[in-house]
């Protein structure tokens, strides 16, 4: 069964999974989508702080 992404929590769970597998750029993209789907600006900021943007010179 394919994964479905319907809520901010779905994207955040996927971001954490990508971070655990050292795929930081993908984790950040998923976290950005989770933050976009969060109505509370403070919560969105906490999500983005948990997944800092990777250095542009780093490879995923």
Protein backbone atom coordinates (compact mmCIF):
# COMPACT_ATOMS: atom_id res chain seq x y z
CA UNK A 1 0.00 0.00 0.00
CA UNK A 2 1.50 3.38 -0.94
CA UNK A 3 2.18 6.00 1.68
CA UNK A 4 -0.21 8.91 1.79
CA UNK A 5 0.61 12.40 2.93
CA UNK A 6 -2.50 14.24 4.10
CA UNK A 7 -1.42 16.11 7.21
CA UNK A 8 1.51 18.03 8.59
CA UNK A 9 2.16 15.07 10.89
CA UNK A 10 2.53 12.76 7.88
CA UNK A 11 5.18 15.03 6.38
CA UNK A 12 6.90 15.45 9.72
CA UNK A 13 7.06 11.68 10.28
CA UNK A 14 8.59 11.26 6.82
CA UNK A 15 11.07 14.06 7.53
CA UNK A 16 12.19 12.33 10.71
CA UNK A 17 12.60 9.06 8.83
CA UNK A 18 14.75 10.77 6.19
CA UNK A 19 16.84 12.41 8.91
CA UNK A 20 17.42 9.01 10.56
CA UNK A 21 18.72 7.73 7.23
CA UNK A 22 20.98 10.81 6.80
CA UNK A 23 19.01 12.21 3.88
CA UNK A 24 19.05 15.76 5.24
CA UNK A 25 18.04 17.65 2.09
CA UNK A 26 14.94 15.51 1.65
CA UNK A 27 14.20 15.77 5.37
CA UNK A 28 14.30 19.56 5.10
CA UNK A 29 11.95 19.59 2.10
CA UNK A 30 9.46 17.39 3.92
CA UNK A 31 9.77 19.56 7.04
CA UNK A 32 9.11 22.68 4.96
CA UNK A 33 5.90 21.11 3.67
CA UNK A 34 4.91 20.13 7.21
CA UNK A 35 5.52 23.71 8.34
CA UNK A 36 3.45 25.03 5.44
CA UNK A 37 0.56 22.81 6.52
CA UNK A 38 0.75 23.98 10.13
CA UNK A 39 -1.56 26.82 11.09
CA UNK A 40 0.41 27.85 14.19
CA UNK A 41 3.42 29.99 13.22
CA UNK A 42 5.31 29.08 16.40
CA UNK A 43 4.87 25.35 15.68
CA UNK A 44 5.97 25.88 12.07
CA UNK A 45 9.12 27.63 13.32
CA UNK A 46 9.86 24.73 15.70
CA UNK A 47 9.50 22.25 12.85
CA UNK A 48 11.93 24.19 10.66
CA UNK A 49 14.38 24.58 13.55
CA UNK A 50 14.39 20.80 14.00
CA UNK A 51 15.50 20.39 10.37
CA UNK A 52 18.01 23.11 9.48
CA UNK A 53 18.63 23.77 5.82
CA UNK A 54 21.63 21.81 4.58
CA UNK A 55 24.74 23.57 3.44
CA UNK A 56 24.42 24.05 -0.34
CA UNK A 57 27.84 22.41 -0.80
CA UNK A 58 26.78 19.26 1.03
CA UNK A 59 25.52 16.29 -0.92
CA UNK A 60 22.60 14.19 0.29
